[in-house]
Amino acid sequence: PDDVIADIQPIAPSAKARLGYPTQKPEALLERIIQASSNEGDTVLDPFCGCGTAIAVAQRLERNWIGIDITHLAVNLIKHRLLDGFGVQPKVDYDVIGEPTDLQGAQQLAQEDPYQFQFWALGLVGARPTEQKKGADRGIDGRLYFHDDEKKTKQIVFSVKSGHVSVRDVRDLRGVVEREAAEVGAFITLNKPTKAMRKEAASAGFYTFGGNRYPRLQILTIEDLLAGKRVQYSGYYGDATFKKAPRAKKDGAANKEIFSE
């Protein structure tokens, strides 16, 4: 039948195009569908946009686009895909609707769904969640990988808390940093840390690179992150957290939005 596409193969598990999303479709498939059903300047809607293949292809083919997904994990992945592939950024080149933009919105998300709050908070710092499903995380909610050495990948481990926090939480993270041989442990909290928590973090010492010192344990509030504060680390040779999408040759059309429900 004419509506059966049999000449485009699925993405191989080891292919460079793979971004770690189980339902990822080949760009060639979406390209054929979009070219057959729209023209440049038209708007493409993907109401279940997942890892953003339809969005990326629409951008490359100079279509406007709207993407909708229920998870902040997917929205974060699409942001990275658009940045790596096209150099486009949220708030500058497109809008993200449905994410918290202030402390009150963050508190509401934490109340409604602590796991989505966790995914969103990790997205603010460019970290990847360690568990995409609910379950034991061994004290690690997210990881960020970076290079301060050409040959070695280093890591930052994250703990995200939306409820009551105490000095015990910081001590636990310190133990995780030692167990995982991480350069930095970052503690993200919705509520303000106590003096005892800050004292415990300071006692962990520093990670040193290139003559610069970075706190081994860092406490960041959601208020800090919304104000633009980020984890301190060298990252001299770049970030290695997310598998990078190939750089596209074309920029797309002007009107784009991602909705996070």
Foldseek 3Di string as FASTA:
>chain_A
DVPDDDPDDADDPPDLQDFPFPPDGDLVVLLVVDVVPDAAAAEAEAADQQLNSNVLSQFLRFYAYEYEHAALLNVLNNQQACCLAPVDHDPGQAHEPDQDLALVRLLVCCVVDVLSSLSNVCSLQPWHAPDPDDDDDQLFGTKWWFDPDPPDIAIETEDEEEDDDALVNLVSQLVVCVVVVHQAYEYEYQDDYDPSNVVSQQVSFFRDDPRDTFRRYYYHYVNNSSVPDYHDDCRVVHTDRTSYHHHRDDGHYGYYYYYHD
